[in-house]
Amino acid sequence: MSLETSLEHIADQHAALSYPALTDLSDLSPSDVGRFAGTWARISAARKCEVIQGLVEMAEDNAELEFSAIFKVGLKDPDWGVRERSISGLWEYEDRSLIGTLVALLASDKSGEVRAAAAVALGRFAALAQDGRLLQKDSDAVRSALMAALTDVEGWLEVRRRALESIAAFRVVDVNEYIRWAYDSDDLKLKCSSIYAMGKTGEPAWLELLVRELQNPNPPVRYEAANACGEIDDEEAAPHLIALLHDDDTQVQLAAVGALGEIGGSLAKKALVRCVKREDPVLEDAARTALENIKTMEDPLGFAYES
C-alpha cells in the first residue's frame, strides 16, 4: 500500500474506514504532510473525526506508528471535534513546539471541549517542568496559561477543573486554595479533580484527608484518593489501601494495587503477593506489575546478589 492509496481511502467518504489502509499515514515527511493536507481539506468533518479517532487507537495499540504530523494538522481544523481528538492524539508528544499552540487553544478556542483538552495536554508539560526538563520560559508560559484558566470565575467549570489537575504538578502554594475550593464543591467531578490534584502536589499534608476519602461511598472518589495516595508515596497510607483490595469496584481495587506498588515496603509487598494468589486474572496481573515496580525501586540497577 502507498500514501496515495491511503489518501484515496480517507477521501472516499462512503467507504467504511479500514485501519490497515491508514498505516502509510505514519511518520510523514514535510512534503507528504502537504499532500495529506490537500486531501484533508476536501473531506467532511465527520470523516475527519473518524480518521483521527482511528489513528489515535492505532497509535495506542502500536508504539511504532507515529501520526503526530497529522494530529498537528488537525489542531488547526475548523471543526472543534477534530481539534479535540487531535489534542488527545498528541498525548505522548513532548516537543516544546506544541506548547504555544496548546496555550493559544486553552486561552481562546471557541469550544469549551477543546479548551478542556488543551488544559489536560498542558499537564504533561507541567510534569516535565517539575522534573526540570523544560526551559524556564516554557515552564512560565504553561503555568501562566493554566493559572489564568483556573482563576477565570466565569469560565466553564470543565476547563477550570482540568486546569486545576494540570497545574498541581507545579506545586504552587496559591493552588492549594483552589484545591480546597474544588474539594468543598457539591460537584462530584470537581471534587474528584481536587483529590487528583492533591496527589499531583506530592504534599504529605493532604494524606489525612485522602485516607478519609478512601472510605467515601462514591467509587470515583475512592479511585482518585487511592491514586493520590500512591502519588504522595507515604507508607502510612498502606494499611488503608490494603483494605481497598476487597472493594466492590474493580477500578478501585486496581487503583489500590497501583498505589501500593508506588509506595512499596514490606506491608505492601505482602498484600500484593496475596493478590497474586487470588483467582482474579485482572487483579493478579496488576499485582505482578506492582511487585515488579517495587523490585525496581528497591534495586534500580537490577543487580543480582548471590549469597
Protein backbone atom coordinates (compact mmCIF):
# COMPACT_ATOMS: atom_id res chain seq x y z
CA MET A 1 0.00 0.00 0.00
CA SER A 2 1.14 3.61 -0.54
CA LEU A 3 0.43 7.06 0.79
CA GLU A 4 -1.61 7.77 -2.32
CA THR A 5 -3.79 4.74 -1.64
CA SER A 6 -4.28 5.85 1.97
CA LEU A 7 -5.30 9.34 0.85
CA GLU A 8 -7.76 7.90 -1.66
CA HIS A 9 -9.24 5.74 1.08
CA ILE A 10 -9.86 8.55 3.55
CA ALA A 11 -11.25 10.70 0.73
CA ASP A 12 -13.81 8.00 -0.13
CA GLN A 13 -16.35 9.05 2.43
CA HIS A 14 -18.77 6.28 1.53
CA ALA A 15 -16.24 3.55 2.34
CA ALA A 16 -16.04 2.06 5.83
CA LEU A 17 -12.81 3.15 7.45
CA SER A 18 -10.10 0.47 7.29
CA TYR A 19 -7.30 0.77 9.84
CA PRO A 20 -4.76 -1.13 7.70
CA ALA A 21 -5.37 1.44 4.97
CA LEU A 22 -4.17 4.17 7.35
CA THR A 23 -0.76 2.73 8.22
CA ASP A 24 1.01 4.65 5.44
CA LEU A 25 0.00 7.88 7.16
CA SER A 26 2.63 7.12 9.81
CA ASP A 27 5.81 9.21 10.05
CA LEU A 28 5.08 11.53 7.12
CA SER A 29 7.78 13.75 5.62
CA PRO A 30 7.07 17.51 5.32
CA SER A 31 6.21 17.10 1.61
CA ASP A 32 3.89 14.18 2.42
CA VAL A 33 2.17 16.31 5.07
CA GLY A 34 1.46 18.84 2.33
CA ARG A 35 -0.13 16.17 0.17
CA PHE A 36 -2.16 14.94 3.13
CA ALA A 37 -3.36 18.48 3.96
CA GLY A 38 -4.63 18.90 0.39
CA THR A 39 -6.82 15.81 0.70
CA TRP A 40 -7.81 16.64 4.29
CA ALA A 41 -9.28 19.98 3.29
CA ARG A 42 -11.75 18.29 0.93
CA ILE A 43 -13.36 15.77 3.29
CA SER A 44 -16.21 16.22 5.75
CA ALA A 45 -15.80 16.94 9.45
CA ALA A 46 -17.44 13.60 10.29
CA ARG A 47 -14.92 11.69 8.17
CA LYS A 48 -12.05 13.67 9.69
CA CYS A 49 -13.20 12.78 13.21
CA GLU A 50 -13.45 9.15 12.19
CA VAL A 51 -9.94 9.16 10.74
CA ILE A 52 -8.37 10.96 13.72
CA GLN A 53 -10.05 8.59 16.16
CA GLY A 54 -8.79 5.65 14.15
CA LEU A 55 -5.24 6.98 14.18
CA VAL A 56 -5.40 7.58 17.94
CA GLU A 57 -6.46 3.99 18.55
CA MET A 58 -3.82 2.61 16.17
CA ALA A 59 -1.05 4.60 17.88
CA GLU A 60 -2.18 3.33 21.29
CA ASP A 61 -2.01 -0.28 20.07
CA ASN A 62 1.29 0.04 18.18
CA ALA A 63 4.08 2.26 19.51
CA GLU A 64 5.90 2.11 16.17
CA LEU A 65 3.17 4.12 14.44
CA GLU A 66 3.71 7.90 14.57
CA PHE A 67 0.93 10.23 13.48
CA SER A 68 1.92 13.45 15.25
CA ALA A 69 2.25 15.39 11.98
CA ILE A 70 -1.37 14.59 11.14
CA PHE A 71 -2.60 15.43 14.62
CA LYS A 72 -0.86 18.81 14.39
CA VAL A 73 -2.72 19.47 11.13
CA GLY A 74 -5.91 18.57 12.98
CA LEU A 75 -5.25 21.20 15.67
CA LYS A 76 -5.96 23.89 13.05
CA ASP A 77 -9.14 22.30 11.72
CA PRO A 78 -12.32 24.41 11.71
CA ASP A 79 -14.28 21.60 13.37
CA TRP A 80 -13.96 21.52 17.16
CA GLY A 81 -14.37 17.73 17.31
CA VAL A 82 -11.36 17.28 15.05
CA ARG A 83 -9.31 19.68 17.16
CA GLU A 84 -10.28 17.93 20.39
CA ARG A 85 -9.45 14.47 19.05
CA SER A 86 -6.18 15.72 17.60
CA ILE A 87 -5.09 17.00 21.01
CA SER A 88 -5.77 13.57 22.51
CA GLY A 89 -3.66 12.02 19.75
CA LEU A 90 -0.67 14.06 20.91
CA TRP A 91 -0.82 12.72 24.46
CA GLU A 92 2.78 11.45 24.34
CA TYR A 93 4.22 14.32 22.26
CA GLU A 94 6.76 16.26 24.34
CA ASP A 95 8.30 18.65 21.79
CA ARG A 96 8.23 22.23 23.08
CA SER A 97 6.90 23.40 19.69
CA LEU A 98 3.46 22.23 20.81
CA ILE A 99 3.32 24.44 23.91
CA GLY A 100 2.44 27.69 22.13
CA THR A 101 -0.39 26.05 20.22
CA LEU A 102 -1.87 24.46 23.34
CA VAL A 103 -1.60 27.71 25.28
CA ALA A 104 -3.43 29.54 22.49
CA LEU A 105 -6.15 26.88 22.32
CA LEU A 106 -6.66 26.99 26.09
CA ALA A 107 -6.87 30.78 26.09
CA SER A 108 -9.10 31.46 23.14
CA ASP A 109 -10.62 28.45 21.39
CA LYS A 110 -14.36 28.87 20.90
CA SER A 111 -15.04 25.31 22.04
CA GLY A 112 -15.05 24.53 25.74
CA GLU A 113 -14.27 20.91 24.95
CA VAL A 114 -11.13 21.94 23.08
CA ARG A 115 -10.04 24.27 25.88
CA ALA A 116 -10.50 21.47 28.41
CA ALA A 117 -8.49 19.06 26.25
CA ALA A 118 -5.73 21.66 25.93
CA ALA A 119 -5.63 22.06 29.72
CA VAL A 120 -5.21 18.30 30.10
CA ALA A 121 -2.44 18.21 27.47
CA LEU A 122 -0.56 21.05 29.16
CA GLY A 123 -0.44 18.92 32.30
CA ARG A 124 2.15 16.76 30.59
CA PHE A 125 4.39 19.79 30.13
CA ALA A 126 3.75 20.84 33.72
CA ALA A 127 5.11 17.47 34.81
CA LEU A 128 8.16 17.93 32.55
CA ALA A 129 8.75 21.34 34.10
CA GLN A 130 8.59 19.87 37.59
CA ASP A 131 11.22 17.32 36.55
CA GLY A 132 13.48 20.10 35.26
CA ARG A 133 13.04 19.03 31.65
CA LEU A 134 11.54 22.26 30.32
CA LEU A 135 13.04 25.66 29.57
CA GLN A 136 12.11 28.26 32.18
CA LYS A 137 10.26 30.43 29.65
CA ASP A 138 8.21 27.44 28.53
CA SER A 139 7.52 26.48 32.13
CA ASP A 140 6.34 30.02 32.87
CA ALA A 141 4.09 30.03 29.80
CA VAL A 142 2.43 26.75 30.77
CA ARG A 143 1.94 27.77 34.39
CA SER A 144 0.52 31.21 33.47
CA ALA A 145 -1.92 29.73 30.96
CA LEU A 146 -3.20 27.14 33.40
CA MET A 147 -3.49 29.64 36.23
CA ALA A 148 -5.44 32.03 34.02
CA ALA A 149 -7.89 29.26 33.13
CA LEU A 150 -8.21 28.11 36.74
CA THR A 151 -8.86 31.56 38.16
CA ASP A 152 -11.39 32.58 35.49
CA VAL A 153 -14.51 32.63 37.65
CA GLU A 154 -16.72 32.99 34.58
CA GLY A 155 -15.00 30.14 32.75
CA TRP A 156 -16.58 26.77 32.00
CA LEU A 157 -16.23 24.50 35.04
CA GLU A 158 -14.85 21.62 32.98
CA VAL A 159 -11.97 23.81 31.78
CA ARG A 160 -11.26 25.09 35.29
CA ARG A 161 -11.16 21.61 36.83
CA ARG A 162 -8.86 20.30 34.11
CA ALA A 163 -6.58 23.30 34.62
CA LEU A 164 -6.52 22.52 38.35
CA GLU A 165 -5.49 18.92 37.69
CA SER A 166 -2.65 20.05 35.43
CA ILE A 167 -1.26 23.00 37.36
CA ALA A 168 -1.00 20.97 40.57
CA ALA A 169 2.23 19.44 39.25
CA PHE A 170 3.91 22.84 39.66
CA ARG A 171 3.29 22.60 43.42
CA VAL A 172 2.47 26.31 43.63
CA VAL A 173 1.24 27.34 47.08
CA ASP A 174 -1.50 29.53 45.60
CA VAL A 175 -3.08 26.45 44.02
CA ASN A 176 -3.92 24.94 47.41
CA GLU A 177 -6.81 27.35 47.93
CA TYR A 178 -8.31 26.20 44.62
CA ILE A 179 -7.85 22.57 45.61
CA ARG A 180 -9.85 23.36 48.75
CA TRP A 181 -12.46 25.22 46.69
CA ALA A 182 -12.88 22.21 44.43
CA TYR A 183 -12.87 19.75 47.32
CA ASP A 184 -15.67 21.61 49.11
CA SER A 185 -17.80 21.64 45.96
CA ASP A 186 -21.01 19.64 45.66
CA ASP A 187 -19.97 18.74 42.10
CA LEU A 188 -18.61 15.17 42.12
CA LYS A 189 -16.31 15.66 39.12
CA LEU A 190 -14.83 18.80 40.63
CA LYS A 191 -14.25 17.04 43.94
CA CYS A 192 -12.52 14.18 42.12
CA SER A 193 -10.32 16.71 40.34
CA SER A 194 -9.34 18.23 43.68
CA ILE A 195 -8.28 14.83 45.00
CA TYR A 196 -6.34 14.13 41.81
CA ALA A 197 -4.60 17.49 42.27
CA MET A 198 -3.73 16.69 45.88
CA GLY A 199 -1.79 13.70 44.65
CA LYS A 200 -0.01 15.69 41.98
CA THR A 201 1.25 18.19 44.56
CA GLY A 202 3.05 15.34 46.34
CA GLU A 203 2.39 17.09 49.65
CA PRO A 204 2.01 14.75 52.69
CA ALA A 205 -0.19 17.41 54.28
CA TRP A 206 -3.09 16.09 52.16
CA LEU A 207 -2.66 12.49 53.33
CA GLU A 208 -5.04 12.59 56.29
CA LEU A 209 -7.84 13.87 54.09
CA LEU A 210 -7.05 11.35 51.34
CA VAL A 211 -7.12 8.43 53.75
CA ARG A 212 -10.54 9.57 54.88
CA GLU A 213 -11.75 9.69 51.27
CA LEU A 214 -10.65 6.09 50.72
CA GLN A 215 -13.88 5.24 52.54
CA ASN A 216 -16.08 7.60 50.54
CA PRO A 217 -19.32 5.92 49.34
CA ASN A 218 -18.66 7.10 45.76
CA PRO A 219 -16.31 4.77 43.81
CA PRO A 220 -14.85 7.59 41.66
CA VAL A 221 -13.74 9.40 44.84
CA ARG A 222 -12.18 6.26 46.33
CA TYR A 223 -10.43 5.63 43.00
CA GLU A 224 -8.88 9.10 42.86
CA ALA A 225 -7.96 9.00 46.54
CA ALA A 226 -6.14 5.70 46.08
CA ASN A 227 -4.18 7.03 43.12
CA ALA A 228 -3.36 10.22 45.02
CA CYS A 229 -2.01 8.19 47.95
CA GLY A 230 0.29 6.46 45.51
CA GLU A 231 1.50 9.80 44.18
CA ILE A 232 2.28 11.07 47.69
CA ASP A 233 4.12 7.82 48.39
CA ASP A 234 3.79 7.54 52.16
CA GLU A 235 3.76 4.11 53.85
CA GLU A 236 1.22 5.47 56.33
CA ALA A 237 -1.44 5.00 53.65
CA ALA A 238 -0.60 1.34 53.01
CA PRO A 239 -2.97 -0.29 55.56
CA HIS A 240 -5.88 1.79 54.28
CA LEU A 241 -5.09 0.91 50.66
CA ILE A 242 -4.88 -2.78 51.53
CA ALA A 243 -8.48 -2.59 52.76
CA LEU A 244 -9.48 -1.49 49.25
CA LEU A 245 -8.11 -4.67 47.69
CA HIS A 246 -11.51 -6.18 48.50
CA ASP A 247 -13.51 -3.19 47.30
CA ASP A 248 -16.73 -3.85 45.39
CA ASP A 249 -15.44 -1.74 42.47
CA THR A 250 -12.75 -3.31 40.26
CA GLN A 251 -11.28 0.03 39.24
CA VAL A 252 -10.87 0.99 42.89
CA GLN A 253 -9.14 -2.33 43.57
CA LEU A 254 -6.74 -1.73 40.68
CA ALA A 255 -6.02 1.80 41.86
CA ALA A 256 -5.16 0.45 45.31
CA VAL A 257 -2.84 -2.15 43.76
CA GLY A 258 -1.09 0.52 41.71
CA ALA A 259 -0.71 2.79 44.73
CA LEU A 260 0.80 0.01 46.83
CA GLY A 261 3.23 -0.62 44.00
CA GLU A 262 4.31 3.01 44.17
CA ILE A 263 4.60 3.09 47.97
CA GLY A 264 6.38 -0.21 48.44
CA GLY A 265 7.52 -1.54 51.80
CA SER A 266 7.06 -4.93 53.44
CA LEU A 267 3.36 -4.44 54.20
CA ALA A 268 2.55 -3.54 50.60
CA LYS A 269 4.59 -6.43 49.22
CA LYS A 270 2.85 -9.00 51.44
CA ALA A 271 -0.57 -7.71 50.39
CA LEU A 272 0.35 -7.78 46.71
CA VAL A 273 1.70 -11.31 46.96
CA ARG A 274 -1.67 -12.36 48.38
CA CYS A 275 -3.35 -10.65 45.42
CA VAL A 276 -1.29 -12.75 43.01
CA LYS A 277 -2.72 -15.87 44.63
CA ARG A 278 -6.33 -14.76 44.26
CA GLU A 279 -8.32 -16.28 41.42
CA ASP A 280 -8.77 -12.97 39.62
CA PRO A 281 -6.65 -12.68 36.44
CA VAL A 282 -7.01 -8.89 36.16
CA LEU A 283 -6.06 -8.25 39.78
CA GLU A 284 -3.28 -10.85 39.57
CA ASP A 285 -1.68 -9.16 36.54
CA ALA A 286 -1.89 -5.75 38.19
CA ALA A 287 -0.34 -7.10 41.39
CA ARG A 288 2.54 -8.70 39.48
CA THR A 289 3.23 -5.38 37.75
CA ALA A 290 3.13 -3.56 41.09
CA LEU A 291 5.56 -6.05 42.63
CA GLU A 292 7.92 -5.55 39.69
CA ASN A 293 7.73 -1.81 40.27
CA ILE A 294 8.67 -2.26 43.92
CA LYS A 295 11.54 -4.52 42.93
CA THR A 296 12.82 -1.85 40.53
CA MET A 297 12.57 0.84 43.22
CA GLU A 298 14.49 -1.29 45.70
CA ASP A 299 17.15 -2.31 43.17
CA PRO A 300 17.06 0.29 40.34
CA LEU A 301 20.22 -1.02 38.68
CA GLY A 302 18.93 -4.55 38.66
CA PHE A 303 21.93 -6.03 40.41
CA ALA A 304 21.63 -9.69 41.32
CA TYR A 305 23.29 -10.56 44.57
CA GLU A 306 24.21 -14.11 45.39
CA SER A 307 24.76 -15.34 48.91
